Amino acid sequence: LRHALAERAGGATLSTLSATGGTVLFPAAEVAATGVEHLVAEIGRAAHLSIAATVVEASITDIADAAERAHELLDIVQRLELPCGLYGFDELALEYQLTRPGPALAHLRALLAPLDGHPDLLATLRCHIAAGLNRRRTGKTLNLHPNTVDYRLRRIAELTGFHAHRYPDLWYLRSALVVHSVRPHRD
């Protein structure tokens, strides 16, 4: 990865890399021509790796805060099990905000509390939302009959009071899942 980075991005980058990831600082002029997304894809191909990365732009004086925000965004990508690729604040603004401390965080966390003893229901809800609310695709992914998916969704509704097939309820369930995935324990 270091070799691919040096070869593609030149010597103007600063990086801290380990076996599990790292931070790379690119001067804006270095990536302006090809774009960060293209550069990350090239580095991944050269290193034969699938890369999940985040990008945050910052001035020199704001590098420390930007690096912290980038790591927070990457944590969200990993905890939500998003596909490899490049993510910016634009793609994760809602998820980022949902994980900030405050009364809404506690409220959203409490919505899924009735499912704490039912990991199969949490997995079904997460998969069903990821499958675009398609019960057949959810069943196929989880190796379940679509009727079992329906049963689990009804059980989720009984326990939480929120139905995954109603739009306002789905909004709350999806938001609560983000909070549960990114900040599963009480602060």
C-alpha atoms as a PDB file:
ATOM      1  CA  LEU A   1       0.000   0.000   0.000  1.00  0.00           C
ATOM      2  CA  ARG A   2       2.843   2.388   0.823  1.00  0.00           C
ATOM      3  CA  HIS A   3       4.489   1.634  -2.524  1.00  0.00           C
ATOM      4  CA  ALA A   4       1.220   2.138  -4.420  1.00  0.00           C
ATOM      5  CA  LEU A   5       0.590   5.375  -2.555  1.00  0.00           C
ATOM      6  CA  ALA A   6       4.070   6.727  -3.275  1.00  0.00           C
ATOM      7  CA  GLU A   7       3.850   5.686  -6.914  1.00  0.00           C
ATOM      8  CA  ARG A   8       0.387   7.191  -7.542  1.00  0.00           C
ATOM      9  CA  ALA A   9       0.385  10.228  -5.281  1.00  0.00           C
ATOM     10  CA  GLY A  10       4.001  11.281  -5.385  1.00  0.00           C
ATOM     11  CA  GLY A  11       6.211  12.347  -2.521  1.00  0.00           C
ATOM     12  CA  ALA A  12       4.032  15.246  -1.447  1.00  0.00           C
ATOM     13  CA  THR A  13       1.774  13.086   0.738  1.00  0.00           C
ATOM     14  CA  LEU A  14       2.113  12.394   4.440  1.00  0.00           C
ATOM     15  CA  SER A  15       0.852   9.053   5.707  1.00  0.00           C
ATOM     16  CA  THR A  16       0.604   6.914   8.791  1.00  0.00           C
ATOM     17  CA  LEU A  17      -0.237   3.355   7.784  1.00  0.00           C
ATOM     18  CA  SER A  18      -0.625   0.102   9.677  1.00  0.00           C
ATOM     19  CA  ALA A  19      -1.947  -3.368   8.931  1.00  0.00           C
ATOM     20  CA  THR A  20      -5.486  -2.200   9.713  1.00  0.00           C
ATOM     21  CA  GLY A  21      -5.561   1.202   8.054  1.00  0.00           C
ATOM     22  CA  GLY A  22      -4.132   4.646   8.307  1.00  0.00           C
ATOM     23  CA  THR A  23      -4.343   8.320   7.557  1.00  0.00           C
ATOM     24  CA  VAL A  24      -3.073   9.995   4.402  1.00  0.00           C
ATOM     25  CA  LEU A  25      -2.793  13.734   3.864  1.00  0.00           C
ATOM     26  CA  PHE A  26      -2.944  14.837   0.228  1.00  0.00           C
ATOM     27  CA  PRO A  27      -2.152  18.391  -0.815  1.00  0.00           C
ATOM     28  CA  ALA A  28      -5.143  19.727  -2.742  1.00  0.00           C
ATOM     29  CA  ALA A  29      -3.025  20.451  -5.805  1.00  0.00           C
ATOM     30  CA  GLU A  30      -1.825  16.829  -5.888  1.00  0.00           C
ATOM     31  CA  VAL A  31      -5.310  15.352  -6.297  1.00  0.00           C
ATOM     32  CA  ALA A  32      -7.051  18.202  -8.111  1.00  0.00           C
ATOM     33  CA  ALA A  33      -6.344  16.734 -11.554  1.00  0.00           C
ATOM     34  CA  THR A  34      -7.557  13.169 -10.939  1.00  0.00           C
ATOM     35  CA  GLY A  35      -9.734  13.529  -7.858  1.00  0.00           C
ATOM     36  CA  VAL A  36      -9.504  11.674  -4.581  1.00  0.00           C
ATOM     37  CA  GLU A  37     -11.987   8.971  -5.599  1.00  0.00           C
ATOM     38  CA  HIS A  38      -9.921   8.060  -8.638  1.00  0.00           C
ATOM     39  CA  LEU A  39      -6.702   8.128  -6.627  1.00  0.00           C
ATOM     40  CA  VAL A  40      -8.099   5.859  -3.880  1.00  0.00           C
ATOM     41  CA  ALA A  41      -9.398   3.402  -6.499  1.00  0.00           C
ATOM     42  CA  GLU A  42      -5.992   3.350  -8.241  1.00  0.00           C
ATOM     43  CA  ILE A  43      -4.135   2.761  -4.986  1.00  0.00           C
ATOM     44  CA  GLY A  44      -6.519  -0.048  -4.061  1.00  0.00           C
ATOM     45  CA  ARG A  45      -6.055  -1.757  -7.423  1.00  0.00           C
ATOM     46  CA  ALA A  46      -2.280  -1.399  -7.266  1.00  0.00           C
ATOM     47  CA  ALA A  47      -2.169  -2.830  -3.735  1.00  0.00           C
ATOM     48  CA  HIS A  48      -4.773  -5.529  -4.570  1.00  0.00           C
ATOM     49  CA  LEU A  49      -6.988  -4.314  -1.725  1.00  0.00           C
ATOM     50  CA  SER A  50     -10.580  -3.229  -1.344  1.00  0.00           C
ATOM     51  CA  ILE A  51     -10.385   0.104   0.421  1.00  0.00           C
ATOM     52  CA  ALA A  52     -12.960   1.886   2.519  1.00  0.00           C
ATOM     53  CA  ALA A  53     -11.880   5.492   2.899  1.00  0.00           C
ATOM     54  CA  THR A  54     -13.227   8.848   3.957  1.00  0.00           C
ATOM     55  CA  VAL A  55     -12.248  12.272   2.762  1.00  0.00           C
ATOM     56  CA  VAL A  56     -12.373  15.563   4.621  1.00  0.00           C
ATOM     57  CA  GLU A  57     -11.004  18.787   3.186  1.00  0.00           C
ATOM     58  CA  ALA A  58      -9.203  21.158   5.537  1.00  0.00           C
ATOM     59  CA  SER A  59      -6.767  24.007   5.693  1.00  0.00           C
ATOM     60  CA  ILE A  60      -3.345  23.394   7.209  1.00  0.00           C
ATOM     61  CA  THR A  61      -4.443  24.852  10.553  1.00  0.00           C
ATOM     62  CA  ASP A  62      -7.454  22.490  10.725  1.00  0.00           C
ATOM     63  CA  ILE A  63      -5.670  19.214   9.915  1.00  0.00           C
ATOM     64  CA  ALA A  64      -5.979  17.736  13.418  1.00  0.00           C
ATOM     65  CA  ASP A  65      -9.744  18.340  13.587  1.00  0.00           C
ATOM     66  CA  ALA A  66     -10.201  17.096  10.016  1.00  0.00           C
ATOM     67  CA  ALA A  67      -8.254  13.901  10.744  1.00  0.00           C
ATOM     68  CA  GLU A  68     -10.440  13.251  13.794  1.00  0.00           C
ATOM     69  CA  ARG A  69     -13.607  13.830  11.748  1.00  0.00           C
ATOM     70  CA  ALA A  70     -12.323  11.540   8.981  1.00  0.00           C
ATOM     71  CA  HIS A  71     -11.695   8.792  11.529  1.00  0.00           C
ATOM     72  CA  GLU A  72     -15.188   9.281  12.985  1.00  0.00           C
ATOM     73  CA  LEU A  73     -16.673   8.989   9.486  1.00  0.00           C
ATOM     74  CA  LEU A  74     -14.639   5.863   8.774  1.00  0.00           C
ATOM     75  CA  ASP A  75     -15.841   4.359  12.052  1.00  0.00           C
ATOM     76  CA  ILE A  76     -19.412   4.946  10.870  1.00  0.00           C
ATOM     77  CA  VAL A  77     -18.643   3.282   7.511  1.00  0.00           C
ATOM     78  CA  GLN A  78     -17.194   0.240   9.261  1.00  0.00           C
ATOM     79  CA  ARG A  79     -19.881  -0.102  11.934  1.00  0.00           C
ATOM     80  CA  LEU A  80     -22.680   0.231   9.379  1.00  0.00           C
ATOM     81  CA  GLU A  81     -20.867  -2.331   7.198  1.00  0.00           C
ATOM     82  CA  LEU A  82     -21.038  -0.094   4.135  1.00  0.00           C
ATOM     83  CA  PRO A  83     -19.341  -1.319   0.955  1.00  0.00           C
ATOM     84  CA  CYS A  84     -15.740  -0.374   0.270  1.00  0.00           C
ATOM     85  CA  GLY A  85     -15.329   2.935  -1.487  1.00  0.00           C
ATOM     86  CA  LEU A  86     -14.734   6.590  -0.764  1.00  0.00           C
ATOM     87  CA  TYR A  87     -17.121   8.433   1.547  1.00  0.00           C
ATOM     88  CA  GLY A  88     -17.276  12.120   2.260  1.00  0.00           C
ATOM     89  CA  PHE A  89     -19.252  14.135   4.721  1.00  0.00           C
ATOM     90  CA  ASP A  90     -21.946  14.612   2.053  1.00  0.00           C
ATOM     91  CA  GLU A  91     -22.731  10.880   2.058  1.00  0.00           C
ATOM     92  CA  LEU A  92     -22.603  10.452   5.843  1.00  0.00           C
ATOM     93  CA  ALA A  93     -23.906  13.743   7.262  1.00  0.00           C
ATOM     94  CA  LEU A  94     -27.136  12.221   8.579  1.00  0.00           C
ATOM     95  CA  GLU A  95     -25.398   9.215  10.137  1.00  0.00           C
ATOM     96  CA  TYR A  96     -22.747  11.492  11.631  1.00  0.00           C
ATOM     97  CA  GLN A  97     -25.341  13.787  13.182  1.00  0.00           C
ATOM     98  CA  LEU A  98     -27.361  10.857  14.534  1.00  0.00           C
ATOM     99  CA  THR A  99     -24.334   9.743  16.530  1.00  0.00           C
ATOM    100  CA  ARG A 100     -23.659  13.074  18.255  1.00  0.00           C
ATOM    101  CA  PRO A 101     -24.484  13.298  21.974  1.00  0.00           C
ATOM    102  CA  GLY A 102     -27.829  14.749  23.004  1.00  0.00           C
ATOM    103  CA  PRO A 103     -31.374  13.844  23.943  1.00  0.00           C
ATOM    104  CA  ALA A 104     -32.236  12.573  20.456  1.00  0.00           C
ATOM    105  CA  LEU A 105     -29.422  10.039  20.677  1.00  0.00           C
ATOM    106  CA  ALA A 106     -30.813   8.552  23.892  1.00  0.00           C
ATOM    107  CA  HIS A 107     -34.329   8.520  22.451  1.00  0.00           C
ATOM    108  CA  LEU A 108     -33.264   6.740  19.257  1.00  0.00           C
ATOM    109  CA  ARG A 109     -31.157   4.252  21.203  1.00  0.00           C
ATOM    110  CA  ALA A 110     -34.183   3.411  23.361  1.00  0.00           C
ATOM    111  CA  LEU A 111     -36.350   2.610  20.306  1.00  0.00           C
ATOM    112  CA  LEU A 112     -34.463  -0.630  19.672  1.00  0.00           C
ATOM    113  CA  ALA A 113     -33.923  -1.546  23.323  1.00  0.00           C
ATOM    114  CA  PRO A 114     -36.779  -4.111  23.179  1.00  0.00           C
ATOM    115  CA  LEU A 115     -34.731  -5.980  20.542  1.00  0.00           C
ATOM    116  CA  ASP A 116     -31.584  -6.255  22.669  1.00  0.00           C
ATOM    117  CA  GLY A 117     -32.326  -9.870  23.558  1.00  0.00           C
ATOM    118  CA  HIS A 118     -33.244 -10.761  19.978  1.00  0.00           C
ATOM    119  CA  PRO A 119     -30.161 -10.593  17.726  1.00  0.00           C
ATOM    120  CA  ASP A 120     -32.049 -12.451  14.984  1.00  0.00           C
ATOM    121  CA  LEU A 121     -34.634  -9.654  14.849  1.00  0.00           C
ATOM    122  CA  LEU A 122     -31.942  -6.944  14.738  1.00  0.00           C
ATOM    123  CA  ALA A 123     -30.173  -8.815  11.930  1.00  0.00           C
ATOM    124  CA  THR A 124     -33.442  -9.179  10.035  1.00  0.00           C
ATOM    125  CA  LEU A 125     -34.239  -5.484  10.376  1.00  0.00           C
ATOM    126  CA  ARG A 126     -30.738  -4.446   9.303  1.00  0.00           C
ATOM    127  CA  CYS A 127     -30.785  -6.818   6.331  1.00  0.00           C
ATOM    128  CA  HIS A 128     -34.329  -5.876   5.305  1.00  0.00           C
ATOM    129  CA  ILE A 129     -33.461  -2.187   5.179  1.00  0.00           C
ATOM    130  CA  ALA A 130     -30.219  -2.939   3.285  1.00  0.00           C
ATOM    131  CA  ALA A 131     -32.238  -5.091   0.836  1.00  0.00           C
ATOM    132  CA  GLY A 132     -34.452  -2.142  -0.042  1.00  0.00           C
ATOM    133  CA  LEU A 133     -37.383  -3.562   1.973  1.00  0.00           C
ATOM    134  CA  ASN A 134     -37.574  -6.552  -0.365  1.00  0.00           C
ATOM    135  CA  ARG A 135     -38.670  -9.530   1.739  1.00  0.00           C
ATOM    136  CA  ARG A 136     -37.522 -12.090  -0.840  1.00  0.00           C
ATOM    137  CA  ARG A 137     -34.042 -10.583  -1.049  1.00  0.00           C
ATOM    138  CA  THR A 138     -33.934 -10.355   2.752  1.00  0.00           C
ATOM    139  CA  GLY A 139     -34.932 -14.016   3.004  1.00  0.00           C
ATOM    140  CA  LYS A 140     -32.353 -15.067   0.448  1.00  0.00           C
ATOM    141  CA  THR A 141     -29.580 -13.153   2.227  1.00  0.00           C
ATOM    142  CA  LEU A 142     -30.499 -14.611   5.626  1.00  0.00           C
ATOM    143  CA  ASN A 143     -31.420 -18.077   4.308  1.00  0.00           C
ATOM    144  CA  LEU A 144     -35.011 -17.625   5.471  1.00  0.00           C
ATOM    145  CA  HIS A 145     -38.371 -18.194   3.858  1.00  0.00           C
ATOM    146  CA  PRO A 146     -40.078 -14.849   3.007  1.00  0.00           C
ATOM    147  CA  ASN A 147     -42.880 -15.775   5.420  1.00  0.00           C
ATOM    148  CA  THR A 148     -40.287 -16.027   8.208  1.00  0.00           C
ATOM    149  CA  VAL A 149     -39.092 -12.548   7.253  1.00  0.00           C
ATOM    150  CA  ASP A 150     -42.689 -11.319   7.521  1.00  0.00           C
ATOM    151  CA  TYR A 151     -43.070 -12.994  10.915  1.00  0.00           C
ATOM    152  CA  ARG A 152     -39.876 -11.363  12.198  1.00  0.00           C
ATOM    153  CA  LEU A 153     -40.947  -7.949  10.912  1.00  0.00           C
ATOM    154  CA  ARG A 154     -44.299  -8.333  12.680  1.00  0.00           C
ATOM    155  CA  ARG A 155     -42.449  -9.343  15.852  1.00  0.00           C
ATOM    156  CA  ILE A 156     -40.226  -6.238  15.564  1.00  0.00           C
ATOM    157  CA  ALA A 157     -43.376  -4.121  15.251  1.00  0.00           C
ATOM    158  CA  GLU A 158     -44.906  -5.809  18.319  1.00  0.00           C
ATOM    159  CA  LEU A 159     -41.801  -5.192  20.421  1.00  0.00           C
ATOM    160  CA  THR A 160     -40.948  -1.671  19.259  1.00  0.00           C
ATOM    161  CA  GLY A 161     -44.275  -0.264  18.100  1.00  0.00           C
ATOM    162  CA  PHE A 162     -42.676   0.642  14.753  1.00  0.00           C
ATOM    163  CA  HIS A 163     -43.534  -1.071  11.452  1.00  0.00           C
ATOM    164  CA  ALA A 164     -40.781  -1.442   8.853  1.00  0.00           C
ATOM    165  CA  HIS A 165     -43.278  -1.065   5.995  1.00  0.00           C
ATOM    166  CA  ARG A 166     -44.636   2.353   7.058  1.00  0.00           C
ATOM    167  CA  TYR A 167     -42.527   5.288   5.945  1.00  0.00           C
ATOM    168  CA  PRO A 168     -42.527   7.392   9.149  1.00  0.00           C
ATOM    169  CA  ASP A 169     -41.794   4.291  11.228  1.00  0.00           C
ATOM    170  CA  LEU A 170     -39.090   3.170   8.821  1.00  0.00           C
ATOM    171  CA  TRP A 171     -37.349   6.541   9.212  1.00  0.00           C
ATOM    172  CA  TYR A 172     -37.187   6.039  12.985  1.00  0.00           C
ATOM    173  CA  LEU A 173     -36.121   2.397  12.713  1.00  0.00           C
ATOM    174  CA  ARG A 174     -33.327   3.232  10.252  1.00  0.00           C
ATOM    175  CA  SER A 175     -32.129   6.114  12.434  1.00  0.00           C
ATOM    176  CA  ALA A 176     -32.259   3.933  15.542  1.00  0.00           C
ATOM    177  CA  LEU A 177     -30.239   1.250  13.717  1.00  0.00           C
ATOM    178  CA  VAL A 178     -27.552   3.795  12.883  1.00  0.00           C
ATOM    179  CA  VAL A 179     -27.343   4.813  16.538  1.00  0.00           C
ATOM    180  CA  HIS A 180     -27.371   1.175  17.665  1.00  0.00           C
ATOM    181  CA  SER A 181     -24.616   0.231  15.195  1.00  0.00           C
ATOM    182  CA  VAL A 182     -22.329   3.180  15.813  1.00  0.00           C
ATOM    183  CA  ARG A 183     -22.924   3.834  19.525  1.00  0.00           C
ATOM    184  CA  PRO A 184     -24.299   0.598  20.933  1.00  0.00           C
ATOM    185  CA  HIS A 185     -23.499   1.292  24.589  1.00  0.00           C
ATOM    186  CA  ARG A 186     -24.681   4.032  26.874  1.00  0.00           C
ATOM    187  CA  ASP A 187     -22.390   7.064  27.107  1.00  0.00           C
END
